[in-house]
C-alpha atoms as a PDB file:
ATOM      1  CA  UNK A   1     106.258 113.529 131.084  1.00  0.00           C
ATOM      2  CA  UNK A   2     108.510 111.741 128.184  1.00  0.00           C
ATOM      3  CA  UNK A   3     104.977 110.280 126.020  1.00  0.00           C
ATOM      4  CA  UNK A   4     105.337 106.312 124.597  1.00  0.00           C
ATOM      5  CA  UNK A   5     104.760 106.056 121.022  1.00  0.00           C
ATOM      6  CA  UNK A   6     104.066 102.947 119.017  1.00  0.00           C
ATOM      7  CA  UNK A   7     104.669 102.398 115.029  1.00  0.00           C
ATOM      8  CA  UNK A   8     102.656  99.801 112.591  1.00  0.00           C
ATOM      9  CA  UNK A   9     105.170  99.458 109.476  1.00  0.00           C
ATOM     10  CA  UNK A  10     103.474  96.882 106.618  1.00  0.00           C
ATOM     11  CA  UNK A  11     105.964  96.374 104.478  1.00  0.00           C
ATOM     12  CA  UNK A  12     104.254  95.322 101.317  1.00  0.00           C
ATOM     13  CA  UNK A  13     107.804  93.012 100.137  1.00  0.00           C
ATOM     14  CA  UNK A  14     109.864  89.667 100.793  1.00  0.00           C
ATOM     15  CA  UNK A  15     113.390  89.037 100.807  1.00  0.00           C
ATOM     16  CA  UNK A  16     114.588  85.158 100.619  1.00  0.00           C
ATOM     17  CA  UNK A  17     117.663  84.301 101.836  1.00  0.00           C
ATOM     18  CA  UNK A  18     119.125  81.557 101.015  1.00  0.00           C
ATOM     19  CA  UNK A  19     122.113  79.368 101.295  1.00  0.00           C
ATOM     20  CA  UNK A  20     122.164  78.048  98.034  1.00  0.00           C
ATOM     21  CA  UNK A  21     124.741  79.061  95.518  1.00  0.00           C
ATOM     22  CA  UNK A  22     122.179  78.458  92.677  1.00  0.00           C
ATOM     23  CA  UNK A  23     119.022  80.903  92.486  1.00  0.00           C
ATOM     24  CA  UNK A  24     116.473  79.819  90.085  1.00  0.00           C
ATOM     25  CA  UNK A  25     114.791  82.506  87.902  1.00  0.00           C
ATOM     26  CA  UNK A  26     112.751  83.127  84.706  1.00  0.00           C
ATOM     27  CA  UNK A  27     110.246  84.011  82.476  1.00  0.00           C
ATOM     28  CA  UNK A  28     107.228  83.563  84.063  1.00  0.00           C
ATOM     29  CA  UNK A  29     104.158  83.339  81.204  1.00  0.00           C
ATOM     30  CA  UNK A  30     101.400  82.820  83.430  1.00  0.00           C
ATOM     31  CA  UNK A  31     102.518  86.094  84.829  1.00  0.00           C
ATOM     32  CA  UNK A  32     104.005  87.528  81.702  1.00  0.00           C
ATOM     33  CA  UNK A  33     107.396  88.579  84.348  1.00  0.00           C
ATOM     34  CA  UNK A  34     110.465  87.460  85.420  1.00  0.00           C
ATOM     35  CA  UNK A  35     110.321  85.881  88.456  1.00  0.00           C
ATOM     36  CA  UNK A  36     112.060  83.784  91.323  1.00  0.00           C
ATOM     37  CA  UNK A  37     110.520  80.115  91.139  1.00  0.00           C
ATOM     38  CA  UNK A  38     111.061  78.203  94.085  1.00  0.00           C
ATOM     39  CA  UNK A  39     111.381  74.388  95.070  1.00  0.00           C
ATOM     40  CA  UNK A  40     108.386  72.812  96.848  1.00  0.00           C
ATOM     41  CA  UNK A  41     110.603  73.088 100.177  1.00  0.00           C
ATOM     42  CA  UNK A  42     112.062  76.161 100.282  1.00  0.00           C
ATOM     43  CA  UNK A  43     107.794  77.182  98.905  1.00  0.00           C
ATOM     44  CA  UNK A  44     106.294  74.175 102.274  1.00  0.00           C
ATOM     45  CA  UNK A  45     108.414  76.903 104.241  1.00  0.00           C
ATOM     46  CA  UNK A  46     107.900  80.410 102.538  1.00  0.00           C
ATOM     47  CA  UNK A  47     104.065  78.948 102.659  1.00  0.00           C
ATOM     48  CA  UNK A  48     104.374  78.575 106.847  1.00  0.00           C
ATOM     49  CA  UNK A  49     105.299  82.214 107.600  1.00  0.00           C
ATOM     50  CA  UNK A  50     102.576  83.681 104.786  1.00  0.00           C
ATOM     51  CA  UNK A  51      99.882  81.768 107.119  1.00  0.00           C
ATOM     52  CA  UNK A  52     101.685  82.990 110.163  1.00  0.00           C
ATOM     53  CA  UNK A  53     101.144  86.160 109.927  1.00  0.00           C
ATOM     54  CA  UNK A  54      97.829  85.776 108.762  1.00  0.00           C
ATOM     55  CA  UNK A  55      98.033  85.599 105.525  1.00  0.00           C
ATOM     56  CA  UNK A  56      96.452  83.551 103.225  1.00  0.00           C
ATOM     57  CA  UNK A  57      97.824  81.763 100.031  1.00  0.00           C
ATOM     58  CA  UNK A  58      95.234  81.264  96.771  1.00  0.00           C
ATOM     59  CA  UNK A  59      97.023  77.469  95.697  1.00  0.00           C
ATOM     60  CA  UNK A  60      94.854  77.728  92.306  1.00  0.00           C
ATOM     61  CA  UNK A  61      96.175  80.164  91.179  1.00  0.00           C
ATOM     62  CA  UNK A  62      99.715  79.409  91.603  1.00  0.00           C
ATOM     63  CA  UNK A  63     102.002  79.317  89.091  1.00  0.00           C
ATOM     64  CA  UNK A  64     104.159  76.333  88.026  1.00  0.00           C
ATOM     65  CA  UNK A  65     107.672  75.246  86.159  1.00  0.00           C
ATOM     66  CA  UNK A  66     109.759  72.597  85.506  1.00  0.00           C
ATOM     67  CA  UNK A  67     113.045  73.208  83.601  1.00  0.00           C
ATOM     68  CA  UNK A  68     114.057  69.977  81.422  1.00  0.00           C
ATOM     69  CA  UNK A  69     115.052  67.532  83.539  1.00  0.00           C
ATOM     70  CA  UNK A  70     114.448  69.110  86.797  1.00  0.00           C
ATOM     71  CA  UNK A  71     112.101  69.154  89.637  1.00  0.00           C
ATOM     72  CA  UNK A  72     108.900  70.896  89.475  1.00  0.00           C
ATOM     73  CA  UNK A  73     109.620  74.989  90.278  1.00  0.00           C
ATOM     74  CA  UNK A  74     106.673  76.950  92.293  1.00  0.00           C
ATOM     75  CA  UNK A  75     106.770  80.979  90.504  1.00  0.00           C
ATOM     76  CA  UNK A  76     107.182  83.041  94.136  1.00  0.00           C
ATOM     77  CA  UNK A  77     104.972  85.875  92.358  1.00  0.00           C
ATOM     78  CA  UNK A  78     102.170  83.777  92.932  1.00  0.00           C
ATOM     79  CA  UNK A  79     102.825  82.656  95.396  1.00  0.00           C
ATOM     80  CA  UNK A  80     102.951  86.289  97.344  1.00  0.00           C
ATOM     81  CA  UNK A  81     100.218  86.598  95.554  1.00  0.00           C
ATOM     82  CA  UNK A  82     101.145  89.169  92.948  1.00  0.00           C
ATOM     83  CA  UNK A  83     100.126  87.761  89.712  1.00  0.00           C
ATOM     84  CA  UNK A  84      96.121  89.430  89.903  1.00  0.00           C
ATOM     85  CA  UNK A  85      95.619  92.736  87.810  1.00  0.00           C
ATOM     86  CA  UNK A  86      97.734  95.485  90.188  1.00  0.00           C
ATOM     87  CA  UNK A  87     101.095  93.592  90.107  1.00  0.00           C
ATOM     88  CA  UNK A  88     100.845  93.651  86.313  1.00  0.00           C
END
């Protein structure tokens, strides 16, 4: 008699895959760490995925960076909630 097993795996990492040929990696002064930075469209898309998984985003704690002459970027660490003390 075969037994059926169900495994649930929770993953604490997110891999961002993009078709762009450049990345926005920079030092986040608020996180005090290097982070990927997403433009508004990428951040909105990832936020929808995060919320669809039943997780919440603390919008008051998002970190922003604006390179000279470019658009405002959003810190991936802060979007994923990694700006709290357990990640430092």
